[in-house]
Amino acid sequence: MKITNVEFVISAVQPHQYPDDALPEFALAGRSNVGKSSLINRMIMRKGLARTSSQPGKTQQLNYYRVNGQVYLVDFPGYGYAKVSKVQRQQFGTMIETFLSDREPLKMVLLIIDIRHAPSKDDVLMYDWLKHFEIPVCVVTTKADKVPRSQWDKQIKLVKQTLGFQTGDHHVLFSSETGLGRDELWAVINSMIEETSEEAEETAEVSIE
């Protein structure tokens, strides 16, 4: 995908702060320090627009990035960081659950997993939650550059087995350092946008008839 314009729009906490232009949204979920911000920067080909930090738990809002005036990438707070207070974790959980269950423009969640490790209990809970509520998901195994190519298949198999990965879900192997998987992930996103647009048109036609 050719990137012509990218804007950081808002760090939102409450639903009334979310953009109201109804553009399709793709949320990034994952453990703290899994590399969500780096992935966003690689996807949009802009160094540093999505703020990265060596301090896990830094993102505490839903950060909205509008790409080409056509789609939003929404960066969730990372989960699973022990030094974040119990109150903060509860607040993050409530905010994310409200967003996932009620946000109509949400088209898919990109579940970011570090390929070097088996998914955590929090990763499995997130995946199960998404499947339960029938929210489309793409598992993105990132940091592929940190693992020898000969180990990729083994690690991907471990990730899928731990999650209980279901047939029909998308998976993309990704590296924010090399750009591996960038085009494939944009293809998944664009395909989902086209699919939901066609469904909306069919619904509109039925309503007219």
N, C-alpha and C. Protein backbone atom coordinates (compact mmCIF):
# COMPACT_ATOMS: atom_id res chain seq x y z
N MET A 1 0.85 -1.20 0.00
CA MET A 1 0.00 0.00 0.00
C MET A 1 0.88 1.24 0.00
N LYS A 2 0.61 2.16 -0.91
CA LYS A 2 1.37 3.40 -0.96
C LYS A 2 0.79 4.38 0.05
N ILE A 3 1.65 4.86 0.96
CA ILE A 3 1.22 5.77 2.01
C ILE A 3 1.44 7.21 1.54
N THR A 4 0.36 7.97 1.46
CA THR A 4 0.46 9.36 1.02
C THR A 4 0.24 10.36 2.15
N ASN A 5 -0.51 9.92 3.17
CA ASN A 5 -0.80 10.84 4.28
C ASN A 5 -1.10 10.05 5.54
N VAL A 6 -0.48 10.46 6.63
CA VAL A 6 -0.72 9.81 7.93
C VAL A 6 -0.86 10.90 8.99
N GLU A 7 -1.86 10.75 9.84
CA GLU A 7 -2.08 11.72 10.92
C GLU A 7 -2.30 11.00 12.24
N PHE A 8 -1.65 11.50 13.28
CA PHE A 8 -2.03 11.09 14.62
C PHE A 8 -3.24 11.94 14.99
N VAL A 9 -4.36 11.30 15.33
CA VAL A 9 -5.62 12.02 15.50
C VAL A 9 -5.91 12.32 16.96
N ILE A 10 -5.87 11.30 17.81
CA ILE A 10 -6.26 11.52 19.21
C ILE A 10 -5.82 10.34 20.07
N SER A 11 -5.55 10.63 21.33
CA SER A 11 -5.43 9.59 22.35
C SER A 11 -6.74 9.60 23.12
N ALA A 12 -7.54 8.59 22.92
CA ALA A 12 -8.89 8.57 23.46
C ALA A 12 -9.00 7.63 24.66
N VAL A 13 -9.85 8.00 25.59
CA VAL A 13 -10.14 7.18 26.77
C VAL A 13 -11.62 6.82 26.82
N GLN A 14 -12.48 7.80 26.51
CA GLN A 14 -13.92 7.62 26.56
C GLN A 14 -14.51 7.53 25.15
N PRO A 15 -15.60 6.81 24.99
CA PRO A 15 -16.22 6.66 23.67
C PRO A 15 -16.54 7.98 22.97
N HIS A 16 -16.89 9.00 23.73
CA HIS A 16 -17.24 10.27 23.08
C HIS A 16 -16.02 10.93 22.43
N GLN A 17 -14.82 10.43 22.74
CA GLN A 17 -13.60 10.99 22.15
C GLN A 17 -13.22 10.29 20.85
N TYR A 18 -13.83 9.15 20.56
CA TYR A 18 -13.47 8.41 19.36
C TYR A 18 -13.88 9.20 18.12
N PRO A 19 -13.14 9.08 17.03
CA PRO A 19 -13.53 9.76 15.78
C PRO A 19 -14.92 9.33 15.34
N ASP A 20 -15.64 10.27 14.73
CA ASP A 20 -17.03 9.99 14.33
C ASP A 20 -17.21 9.97 12.82
N ASP A 21 -16.10 9.80 12.07
CA ASP A 21 -16.21 9.81 10.61
C ASP A 21 -16.49 8.43 10.02
N ALA A 22 -16.61 7.40 10.88
CA ALA A 22 -17.03 6.05 10.47
C ALA A 22 -16.05 5.34 9.54
N LEU A 23 -14.80 5.80 9.49
CA LEU A 23 -13.80 5.08 8.71
C LEU A 23 -13.52 3.73 9.37
N PRO A 24 -13.18 2.72 8.57
CA PRO A 24 -12.89 1.40 9.14
C PRO A 24 -11.69 1.46 10.08
N GLU A 25 -11.79 0.71 11.19
CA GLU A 25 -10.76 0.73 12.22
C GLU A 25 -10.17 -0.67 12.42
N PHE A 26 -8.85 -0.70 12.60
CA PHE A 26 -8.13 -1.94 12.86
C PHE A 26 -7.29 -1.74 14.11
N ALA A 27 -7.64 -2.48 15.16
CA ALA A 27 -7.01 -2.28 16.45
C ALA A 27 -5.84 -3.24 16.64
N LEU A 28 -4.79 -2.76 17.31
CA LEU A 28 -3.62 -3.58 17.59
C LEU A 28 -3.60 -3.90 19.08
N ALA A 29 -3.64 -5.18 19.41
CA ALA A 29 -3.64 -5.63 20.80
C ALA A 29 -2.43 -6.53 21.03
N GLY A 30 -1.90 -6.48 22.24
CA GLY A 30 -0.77 -7.33 22.57
C GLY A 30 -0.15 -6.95 23.90
N ARG A 31 0.77 -7.76 24.34
CA ARG A 31 1.45 -7.51 25.60
C ARG A 31 2.28 -6.23 25.51
N SER A 32 2.52 -5.64 26.67
CA SER A 32 3.40 -4.47 26.74
C SER A 32 4.77 -4.83 26.17
N ASN A 33 5.31 -3.92 25.39
CA ASN A 33 6.65 -4.08 24.82
C ASN A 33 6.74 -5.17 23.76
N VAL A 34 5.59 -5.55 23.16
CA VAL A 34 5.62 -6.56 22.11
C VAL A 34 5.99 -5.96 20.75
N GLY A 35 5.94 -4.62 20.66
CA GLY A 35 6.36 -3.96 19.42
C GLY A 35 5.23 -3.42 18.58
N LYS A 36 4.10 -3.08 19.20
CA LYS A 36 2.96 -2.56 18.43
C LYS A 36 3.28 -1.22 17.77
N SER A 37 3.92 -0.32 18.53
CA SER A 37 4.25 0.99 17.96
C SER A 37 5.25 0.87 16.82
N SER A 38 6.23 0.00 16.97
CA SER A 38 7.20 -0.22 15.90
C SER A 38 6.52 -0.80 14.67
N LEU A 39 5.56 -1.68 14.88
CA LEU A 39 4.82 -2.25 13.76
C LEU A 39 4.05 -1.16 13.02
N ILE A 40 3.38 -0.29 13.78
CA ILE A 40 2.64 0.81 13.16
C ILE A 40 3.57 1.68 12.33
N ASN A 41 4.72 2.05 12.90
CA ASN A 41 5.67 2.89 12.18
C ASN A 41 6.14 2.25 10.88
N ARG A 42 6.35 0.94 10.89
CA ARG A 42 6.74 0.25 9.67
C ARG A 42 5.58 0.20 8.68
N MET A 43 4.38 -0.03 9.17
CA MET A 43 3.22 -0.10 8.28
C MET A 43 2.98 1.22 7.57
N ILE A 44 3.17 2.34 8.27
CA ILE A 44 2.89 3.64 7.68
C ILE A 44 4.14 4.30 7.11
N MET A 45 5.29 3.63 7.26
CA MET A 45 6.57 4.13 6.72
C MET A 45 6.90 5.53 7.26
N ARG A 46 6.69 5.69 8.55
CA ARG A 46 7.02 6.94 9.22
C ARG A 46 7.77 6.63 10.51
N LYS A 47 9.00 7.05 10.59
CA LYS A 47 9.77 6.79 11.80
C LYS A 47 9.30 7.68 12.94
N GLY A 48 8.90 7.06 14.03
CA GLY A 48 8.63 7.81 15.24
C GLY A 48 7.26 8.42 15.37
N LEU A 49 6.37 8.25 14.40
CA LEU A 49 5.03 8.83 14.57
C LEU A 49 4.30 8.12 15.71
N ALA A 50 4.33 6.79 15.68
CA ALA A 50 3.82 6.04 16.83
C ALA A 50 4.96 5.95 17.83
N ARG A 51 4.75 6.49 19.00
CA ARG A 51 5.83 6.60 19.99
C ARG A 51 6.16 5.25 20.59
N THR A 52 7.45 4.90 20.49
CA THR A 52 7.93 3.68 21.10
C THR A 52 8.64 4.03 22.40
N SER A 53 8.75 3.05 23.28
CA SER A 53 9.38 3.31 24.56
C SER A 53 9.98 2.02 25.11
N SER A 54 11.11 2.16 25.80
CA SER A 54 11.70 1.01 26.48
C SER A 54 10.98 0.73 27.78
N GLN A 55 10.05 1.62 28.15
CA GLN A 55 9.28 1.46 29.38
C GLN A 55 7.93 0.84 29.06
N PRO A 56 7.73 -0.45 29.37
CA PRO A 56 6.44 -1.09 29.10
C PRO A 56 5.32 -0.38 29.84
N GLY A 57 4.11 -0.47 29.25
CA GLY A 57 2.95 0.12 29.91
C GLY A 57 2.80 1.60 29.66
N LYS A 58 3.60 2.15 28.74
CA LYS A 58 3.56 3.60 28.51
C LYS A 58 2.24 4.04 27.88
N THR A 59 1.76 3.26 26.90
CA THR A 59 0.50 3.60 26.24
C THR A 59 -0.66 3.33 27.19
N GLN A 60 -1.43 4.36 27.48
CA GLN A 60 -2.52 4.22 28.44
C GLN A 60 -3.86 4.67 27.85
N GLN A 61 -3.87 4.97 26.57
CA GLN A 61 -5.10 5.35 25.88
C GLN A 61 -5.20 4.57 24.58
N LEU A 62 -6.28 4.81 23.85
CA LEU A 62 -6.41 4.27 22.50
C LEU A 62 -5.87 5.33 21.54
N ASN A 63 -4.74 5.05 20.93
CA ASN A 63 -4.10 6.02 20.04
C ASN A 63 -4.54 5.77 18.60
N TYR A 64 -5.16 6.80 18.02
CA TYR A 64 -5.73 6.71 16.67
C TYR A 64 -4.78 7.31 15.63
N TYR A 65 -4.47 6.51 14.58
CA TYR A 65 -3.66 6.99 13.45
C TYR A 65 -4.49 6.82 12.18
N ARG A 66 -4.72 7.93 11.48
CA ARG A 66 -5.51 7.88 10.24
C ARG A 66 -4.55 7.79 9.05
N VAL A 67 -4.77 6.80 8.20
CA VAL A 67 -3.86 6.51 7.09
C VAL A 67 -4.57 6.78 5.76
N ASN A 68 -3.98 7.68 4.97
CA ASN A 68 -4.51 8.02 3.64
C ASN A 68 -5.96 8.51 3.68
N GLY A 69 -6.40 8.98 4.86
CA GLY A 69 -7.77 9.44 4.99
C GLY A 69 -8.79 8.34 4.78
N GLN A 70 -8.35 7.06 4.88
CA GLN A 70 -9.22 5.93 4.52
C GLN A 70 -9.43 4.93 5.65
N VAL A 71 -8.49 4.84 6.57
CA VAL A 71 -8.53 3.78 7.57
C VAL A 71 -7.80 4.25 8.83
N TYR A 72 -8.24 3.73 9.98
CA TYR A 72 -7.55 4.01 11.24
C TYR A 72 -6.82 2.75 11.74
N LEU A 73 -5.59 2.96 12.20
CA LEU A 73 -4.91 1.98 13.03
C LEU A 73 -5.04 2.46 14.46
N VAL A 74 -5.53 1.61 15.34
CA VAL A 74 -5.81 2.00 16.72
C VAL A 74 -4.93 1.19 17.65
N ASP A 75 -4.01 1.86 18.33
CA ASP A 75 -3.05 1.20 19.22
C ASP A 75 -3.63 1.09 20.62
N PHE A 76 -3.84 -0.15 21.08
CA PHE A 76 -4.36 -0.39 22.42
C PHE A 76 -3.25 -0.28 23.47
N PRO A 77 -3.62 -0.01 24.73
CA PRO A 77 -2.65 -0.16 25.82
C PRO A 77 -2.16 -1.61 25.88
N GLY A 78 -0.88 -1.80 26.12
CA GLY A 78 -0.36 -3.15 26.27
C GLY A 78 -0.85 -3.77 27.56
N TYR A 79 -1.03 -5.07 27.54
CA TYR A 79 -1.49 -5.76 28.75
C TYR A 79 -0.38 -6.66 29.31
N GLY A 80 -0.56 -7.07 30.55
CA GLY A 80 0.36 -8.04 31.15
C GLY A 80 1.58 -7.46 31.82
N TYR A 81 1.64 -6.13 31.99
CA TYR A 81 2.82 -5.53 32.62
C TYR A 81 2.58 -5.42 34.11
N ALA A 82 3.40 -6.11 34.90
CA ALA A 82 3.16 -6.26 36.33
C ALA A 82 3.20 -4.94 37.10
N LYS A 83 4.02 -3.97 36.64
CA LYS A 83 4.20 -2.74 37.40
C LYS A 83 3.07 -1.74 37.20
N VAL A 84 2.17 -2.04 36.27
CA VAL A 84 0.97 -1.21 36.14
C VAL A 84 0.03 -1.57 37.29
N SER A 85 -0.49 -0.57 37.94
CA SER A 85 -1.32 -0.82 39.13
C SER A 85 -2.57 -1.61 38.80
N LYS A 86 -3.12 -2.26 39.81
CA LYS A 86 -4.34 -3.04 39.64
C LYS A 86 -5.48 -2.16 39.16
N VAL A 87 -5.56 -0.95 39.69
CA VAL A 87 -6.61 -0.01 39.27
C VAL A 87 -6.45 0.32 37.79
N GLN A 88 -5.21 0.60 37.35
CA GLN A 88 -4.96 0.91 35.94
C GLN A 88 -5.34 -0.27 35.05
N ARG A 89 -4.96 -1.48 35.47
CA ARG A 89 -5.29 -2.67 34.68
C ARG A 89 -6.80 -2.81 34.53
N GLN A 90 -7.52 -2.55 35.61
CA GLN A 90 -8.98 -2.63 35.54
C GLN A 90 -9.55 -1.57 34.60
N GLN A 91 -8.98 -0.37 34.67
CA GLN A 91 -9.44 0.71 33.79
C GLN A 91 -9.16 0.37 32.33
N PHE A 92 -7.94 -0.14 32.06
CA PHE A 92 -7.59 -0.52 30.69
C PHE A 92 -8.54 -1.61 30.21
N GLY A 93 -8.80 -2.61 31.08
CA GLY A 93 -9.66 -3.72 30.70
C GLY A 93 -11.06 -3.27 30.35
N THR A 94 -11.61 -2.38 31.18
CA THR A 94 -12.95 -1.86 30.93
C THR A 94 -12.99 -1.06 29.62
N MET A 95 -11.96 -0.22 29.39
CA MET A 95 -11.90 0.61 28.20
C MET A 95 -11.84 -0.27 26.94
N ILE A 96 -10.99 -1.29 26.96
CA ILE A 96 -10.82 -2.14 25.80
C ILE A 96 -12.06 -2.99 25.56
N GLU A 97 -12.64 -3.53 26.64
CA GLU A 97 -13.84 -4.35 26.49
C GLU A 97 -14.99 -3.53 25.91
N THR A 98 -15.15 -2.30 26.39
CA THR A 98 -16.20 -1.42 25.86
C THR A 98 -15.99 -1.15 24.38
N PHE A 99 -14.74 -0.87 24.02
CA PHE A 99 -14.42 -0.59 22.62
C PHE A 99 -14.71 -1.80 21.75
N LEU A 100 -14.21 -2.96 22.14
CA LEU A 100 -14.36 -4.15 21.31
C LEU A 100 -15.81 -4.59 21.16
N SER A 101 -16.59 -4.42 22.21
CA SER A 101 -17.97 -4.91 22.16
C SER A 101 -18.93 -3.94 21.50
N ASP A 102 -18.59 -2.65 21.50
CA ASP A 102 -19.56 -1.64 21.05
C ASP A 102 -19.13 -0.86 19.81
N ARG A 103 -17.88 -0.94 19.40
CA ARG A 103 -17.37 -0.04 18.36
C ARG A 103 -17.72 -0.54 16.96
N GLU A 104 -18.70 0.07 16.34
CA GLU A 104 -19.19 -0.40 15.05
C GLU A 104 -18.16 -0.31 13.92
N PRO A 105 -17.33 0.77 13.84
CA PRO A 105 -16.36 0.84 12.74
C PRO A 105 -15.22 -0.17 12.85
N LEU A 106 -15.09 -0.87 13.99
CA LEU A 106 -14.02 -1.85 14.16
C LEU A 106 -14.22 -3.02 13.20
N LYS A 107 -13.23 -3.28 12.36
CA LYS A 107 -13.33 -4.35 11.37
C LYS A 107 -12.52 -5.59 11.74
N MET A 108 -11.44 -5.38 12.50
CA MET A 108 -10.56 -6.51 12.82
C MET A 108 -9.61 -6.10 13.93
N VAL A 109 -9.19 -7.10 14.72
CA VAL A 109 -8.13 -6.88 15.70
C VAL A 109 -6.87 -7.60 15.23
N LEU A 110 -5.77 -6.88 15.24
CA LEU A 110 -4.47 -7.47 14.95
C LEU A 110 -3.85 -7.86 16.28
N LEU A 111 -3.78 -9.15 16.56
CA LEU A 111 -3.23 -9.65 17.82
C LEU A 111 -1.74 -9.88 17.63
N ILE A 112 -0.92 -9.05 18.29
CA ILE A 112 0.52 -9.05 18.07
C ILE A 112 1.19 -9.98 19.08
N ILE A 113 1.94 -10.96 18.56
CA ILE A 113 2.62 -11.96 19.38
C ILE A 113 4.11 -11.96 19.03
N ASP A 114 4.96 -11.95 20.04
CA ASP A 114 6.41 -12.07 19.84
C ASP A 114 6.72 -13.51 19.45
N ILE A 115 7.24 -13.70 18.24
CA ILE A 115 7.47 -15.04 17.72
C ILE A 115 8.45 -15.84 18.56
N ARG A 116 9.26 -15.16 19.37
CA ARG A 116 10.28 -15.85 20.16
C ARG A 116 9.70 -16.61 21.34
N HIS A 117 8.45 -16.31 21.70
CA HIS A 117 7.87 -16.90 22.90
C HIS A 117 6.47 -17.45 22.62
N ALA A 118 6.10 -18.45 23.41
CA ALA A 118 4.71 -18.92 23.34
C ALA A 118 3.79 -17.81 23.82
N PRO A 119 2.59 -17.70 23.28
CA PRO A 119 1.63 -16.70 23.75
C PRO A 119 1.39 -16.83 25.26
N SER A 120 1.22 -15.69 25.91
CA SER A 120 0.96 -15.66 27.34
C SER A 120 -0.50 -16.02 27.62
N LYS A 121 -0.83 -16.19 28.90
CA LYS A 121 -2.22 -16.43 29.28
C LYS A 121 -3.10 -15.26 28.84
N ASP A 122 -2.56 -14.03 28.93
CA ASP A 122 -3.33 -12.86 28.50
C ASP A 122 -3.58 -12.89 27.00
N ASP A 123 -2.59 -13.34 26.22
CA ASP A 123 -2.78 -13.47 24.77
C ASP A 123 -3.89 -14.47 24.45
N VAL A 124 -3.86 -15.61 25.15
CA VAL A 124 -4.86 -16.64 24.93
C VAL A 124 -6.25 -16.13 25.31
N LEU A 125 -6.33 -15.41 26.43
CA LEU A 125 -7.61 -14.84 26.86
C LEU A 125 -8.14 -13.84 25.83
N MET A 126 -7.25 -13.02 25.29
CA MET A 126 -7.66 -12.04 24.27
C MET A 126 -8.17 -12.76 23.03
N TYR A 127 -7.44 -13.76 22.58
CA TYR A 127 -7.86 -14.50 21.39
C TYR A 127 -9.22 -15.16 21.63
N ASP A 128 -9.37 -15.82 22.78
CA ASP A 128 -10.63 -16.48 23.09
C ASP A 128 -11.78 -15.47 23.16
N TRP A 129 -11.51 -14.31 23.73
CA TRP A 129 -12.52 -13.27 23.85
C TRP A 129 -12.98 -12.82 22.47
N LEU A 130 -12.02 -12.60 21.58
CA LEU A 130 -12.34 -12.16 20.22
C LEU A 130 -13.16 -13.22 19.48
N LYS A 131 -12.79 -14.49 19.64
CA LYS A 131 -13.53 -15.56 18.98
C LYS A 131 -14.94 -15.67 19.54
N HIS A 132 -15.07 -15.52 20.87
CA HIS A 132 -16.38 -15.63 21.50
C HIS A 132 -17.35 -14.58 20.96
N PHE A 133 -16.84 -13.37 20.76
CA PHE A 133 -17.69 -12.28 20.29
C PHE A 133 -17.63 -12.11 18.77
N GLU A 134 -17.02 -13.09 18.10
CA GLU A 134 -17.00 -13.15 16.63
C GLU A 134 -16.41 -11.89 16.01
N ILE A 135 -15.31 -11.41 16.61
CA ILE A 135 -14.58 -10.27 16.07
C ILE A 135 -13.45 -10.81 15.21
N PRO A 136 -13.38 -10.45 13.93
CA PRO A 136 -12.30 -10.94 13.07
C PRO A 136 -10.93 -10.63 13.67
N VAL A 137 -10.01 -11.59 13.53
CA VAL A 137 -8.68 -11.42 14.12
C VAL A 137 -7.61 -11.87 13.14
N CYS A 138 -6.52 -11.14 13.15
CA CYS A 138 -5.32 -11.54 12.41
C CYS A 138 -4.18 -11.63 13.43
N VAL A 139 -3.61 -12.81 13.58
CA VAL A 139 -2.47 -12.99 14.48
C VAL A 139 -1.20 -12.58 13.73
N VAL A 140 -0.48 -11.63 14.30
CA VAL A 140 0.75 -11.14 13.69
C VAL A 140 1.92 -11.56 14.57
N THR A 141 2.72 -12.50 14.09
CA THR A 141 3.91 -12.91 14.84
C THR A 141 5.06 -12.00 14.40
N THR A 142 5.44 -11.12 15.32
CA THR A 142 6.43 -10.11 14.97
C THR A 142 7.81 -10.46 15.55
N LYS A 143 8.79 -9.59 15.25
CA LYS A 143 10.19 -9.77 15.65
C LYS A 143 10.79 -11.00 14.98
N ALA A 144 10.35 -11.27 13.75
CA ALA A 144 10.86 -12.42 13.00
C ALA A 144 12.36 -12.32 12.76
N ASP A 145 12.89 -11.09 12.72
CA ASP A 145 14.32 -10.90 12.50
C ASP A 145 15.16 -11.37 13.69
N LYS A 146 14.52 -11.59 14.83
CA LYS A 146 15.24 -12.02 16.03
C LYS A 146 15.38 -13.54 16.11
N VAL A 147 14.76 -14.25 15.17
CA VAL A 147 14.76 -15.71 15.16
C VAL A 147 15.33 -16.21 13.84
N PRO A 148 16.21 -17.22 13.85
CA PRO A 148 16.72 -17.77 12.59
C PRO A 148 15.58 -18.25 11.70
N ARG A 149 15.72 -18.03 10.42
CA ARG A 149 14.67 -18.43 9.47
C ARG A 149 14.30 -19.90 9.64
N SER A 150 15.30 -20.73 9.97
CA SER A 150 15.06 -22.16 10.11
C SER A 150 14.11 -22.49 11.27
N GLN A 151 13.92 -21.51 12.19
CA GLN A 151 13.07 -21.72 13.36
C GLN A 151 11.66 -21.13 13.19
N TRP A 152 11.43 -20.44 12.09
CA TRP A 152 10.15 -19.75 11.91
C TRP A 152 8.96 -20.70 12.00
N ASP A 153 9.00 -21.77 11.22
CA ASP A 153 7.86 -22.69 11.18
C ASP A 153 7.59 -23.30 12.56
N LYS A 154 8.65 -23.66 13.26
CA LYS A 154 8.50 -24.25 14.60
C LYS A 154 7.83 -23.26 15.55
N GLN A 155 8.28 -22.01 15.53
CA GLN A 155 7.74 -21.01 16.44
C GLN A 155 6.31 -20.63 16.09
N ILE A 156 6.02 -20.53 14.80
CA ILE A 156 4.65 -20.22 14.37
C ILE A 156 3.70 -21.34 14.79
N LYS A 157 4.14 -22.58 14.66
CA LYS A 157 3.32 -23.72 15.10
C LYS A 157 3.04 -23.65 16.59
N LEU A 158 4.07 -23.26 17.38
CA LEU A 158 3.89 -23.12 18.83
C LEU A 158 2.87 -22.04 19.15
N VAL A 159 2.96 -20.92 18.46
CA VAL A 159 2.02 -19.82 18.69
C VAL A 159 0.60 -20.26 18.38
N LYS A 160 0.40 -20.89 17.24
CA LYS A 160 -0.94 -21.30 16.82
C LYS A 160 -1.51 -22.36 17.75
N GLN A 161 -0.69 -23.32 18.15
CA GLN A 161 -1.18 -24.37 19.05
C GLN A 161 -1.57 -23.79 20.41
N THR A 162 -0.77 -22.87 20.92
CA THR A 162 -1.04 -22.29 22.24
C THR A 162 -2.33 -21.47 22.22
N LEU A 163 -2.55 -20.74 21.13
CA LEU A 163 -3.76 -19.92 21.02
C LEU A 163 -5.00 -20.76 20.73
N GLY A 164 -4.81 -21.94 20.15
CA GLY A 164 -5.96 -22.67 19.63
C GLY A 164 -6.43 -22.04 18.34
N PHE A 165 -5.47 -21.64 17.51
CA PHE A 165 -5.72 -20.91 16.26
C PHE A 165 -6.73 -21.66 15.40
N GLN A 166 -7.73 -20.94 14.94
CA GLN A 166 -8.82 -21.56 14.19
C GLN A 166 -8.68 -21.35 12.69
N THR A 167 -9.06 -22.36 11.95
CA THR A 167 -9.05 -22.27 10.49
C THR A 167 -9.92 -21.10 10.04
N GLY A 168 -9.40 -20.33 9.13
CA GLY A 168 -10.14 -19.17 8.65
C GLY A 168 -9.61 -17.86 9.18
N ASP A 169 -8.90 -17.91 10.32
CA ASP A 169 -8.25 -16.70 10.82
C ASP A 169 -7.00 -16.41 10.01
N HIS A 170 -6.61 -15.16 10.00
CA HIS A 170 -5.41 -14.76 9.27
C HIS A 170 -4.18 -14.83 10.17
N HIS A 171 -3.04 -15.09 9.55
CA HIS A 171 -1.75 -15.02 10.24
C HIS A 171 -0.74 -14.35 9.32
N VAL A 172 0.07 -13.46 9.88
CA VAL A 172 1.13 -12.79 9.12
C VAL A 172 2.42 -12.82 9.94
N LEU A 173 3.48 -13.27 9.34
CA LEU A 173 4.82 -13.21 9.93
C LEU A 173 5.40 -11.83 9.63
N PHE A 174 5.91 -11.14 10.66
CA PHE A 174 6.24 -9.72 10.51
C PHE A 174 7.58 -9.38 11.15
N SER A 175 8.25 -8.41 10.58
CA SER A 175 9.44 -7.82 11.19
C SER A 175 9.41 -6.31 10.99
N SER A 176 9.39 -5.57 12.07
CA SER A 176 9.42 -4.11 11.97
C SER A 176 10.78 -3.62 11.51
N GLU A 177 11.80 -4.43 11.71
CA GLU A 177 13.15 -4.04 11.31
C GLU A 177 13.36 -4.17 9.80
N THR A 178 12.93 -5.27 9.23
CA THR A 178 13.20 -5.54 7.81
C THR A 178 12.02 -5.22 6.90
N GLY A 179 10.83 -5.10 7.47
CA GLY A 179 9.64 -4.86 6.65
C GLY A 179 8.96 -6.14 6.18
N LEU A 180 9.49 -7.29 6.61
CA LEU A 180 8.86 -8.56 6.26
C LEU A 180 7.40 -8.56 6.71
N GLY A 181 6.50 -8.92 5.81
CA GLY A 181 5.10 -9.05 6.16
C GLY A 181 4.28 -7.78 6.00
N ARG A 182 4.94 -6.65 5.72
CA ARG A 182 4.20 -5.39 5.64
C ARG A 182 3.15 -5.43 4.53
N ASP A 183 3.57 -5.81 3.33
CA ASP A 183 2.63 -5.85 2.21
C ASP A 183 1.52 -6.86 2.46
N GLU A 184 1.88 -8.00 3.06
CA GLU A 184 0.88 -9.04 3.33
C GLU A 184 -0.15 -8.55 4.35
N LEU A 185 0.30 -7.82 5.37
CA LEU A 185 -0.63 -7.34 6.39
C LEU A 185 -1.55 -6.26 5.81
N TRP A 186 -1.00 -5.39 4.96
CA TRP A 186 -1.86 -4.40 4.30
C TRP A 186 -2.88 -5.09 3.40
N ALA A 187 -2.47 -6.20 2.77
CA ALA A 187 -3.41 -6.94 1.91
C ALA A 187 -4.56 -7.51 2.73
N VAL A 188 -4.26 -8.00 3.95
CA VAL A 188 -5.31 -8.51 4.83
C VAL A 188 -6.27 -7.38 5.21
N ILE A 189 -5.70 -6.23 5.56
CA ILE A 189 -6.51 -5.08 5.96
C ILE A 189 -7.40 -4.62 4.81
N ASN A 190 -6.80 -4.47 3.63
CA ASN A 190 -7.58 -4.00 2.47
C ASN A 190 -8.66 -5.01 2.09
N SER A 191 -8.35 -6.29 2.20
CA SER A 191 -9.34 -7.32 1.89
C SER A 191 -10.53 -7.24 2.85
N MET A 192 -10.24 -6.98 4.13
CA MET A 192 -11.33 -6.87 5.11
C MET A 192 -12.17 -5.63 4.84
N ILE A 193 -11.53 -4.53 4.44
CA ILE A 193 -12.28 -3.31 4.11
C ILE A 193 -13.21 -3.57 2.93
N GLU A 194 -12.69 -4.21 1.89
CA GLU A 194 -13.49 -4.51 0.71
C GLU A 194 -14.65 -5.45 1.05
N GLU A 195 -14.37 -6.45 1.89
CA GLU A 195 -15.39 -7.42 2.25
C GLU A 195 -16.53 -6.76 3.02
N THR A 196 -16.19 -5.91 3.99
CA THR A 196 -17.23 -5.25 4.77
C THR A 196 -17.99 -4.22 3.94
N SER A 197 -17.31 -3.59 2.96
CA SER A 197 -17.99 -2.64 2.08
C SER A 197 -19.01 -3.35 1.21
N GLU A 198 -18.64 -4.52 0.70
CA GLU A 198 -19.56 -5.30 -0.12
C GLU A 198 -20.77 -5.74 0.70
N GLU A 199 -20.53 -6.16 1.94
CA GLU A 199 -21.63 -6.58 2.80
C GLU A 199 -22.58 -5.42 3.08
N ALA A 200 -22.01 -4.22 3.28
CA ALA A 200 -22.85 -3.04 3.53
C ALA A 200 -23.68 -2.70 2.31
N GLU A 201 -23.10 -2.82 1.13
CA GLU A 201 -23.83 -2.54 -0.10
C GLU A 201 -24.97 -3.54 -0.31
N GLU A 202 -24.70 -4.82 0.00
CA GLU A 202 -25.74 -5.84 -0.16
C GLU A 202 -26.89 -5.58 0.81
N THR A 203 -26.55 -5.18 2.05
CA THR A 203 -27.57 -4.88 3.03
C THR A 203 -28.43 -3.70 2.59
N ALA A 204 -27.76 -2.68 2.02
CA ALA A 204 -28.47 -1.50 1.54
C ALA A 204 -29.41 -1.86 0.39
N GLU A 205 -28.96 -2.73 -0.50
CA GLU A 205 -29.79 -3.14 -1.64
C GLU A 205 -31.03 -3.88 -1.15
N VAL A 206 -30.84 -4.77 -0.16
CA VAL A 206 -31.97 -5.50 0.39
C VAL A 206 -32.98 -4.57 1.02
N SER A 207 -32.48 -3.56 1.73
CA SER A 207 -33.35 -2.60 2.40
C SER A 207 -34.17 -1.82 1.38
N ILE A 208 -33.54 -1.44 0.27
CA ILE A 208 -34.23 -0.68 -0.78
C ILE A 208 -35.33 -1.52 -1.41
N GLU A 209 -35.00 -2.79 -1.67
CA GLU A 209 -35.98 -3.68 -2.29
C GLU A 209 -37.17 -3.89 -1.38
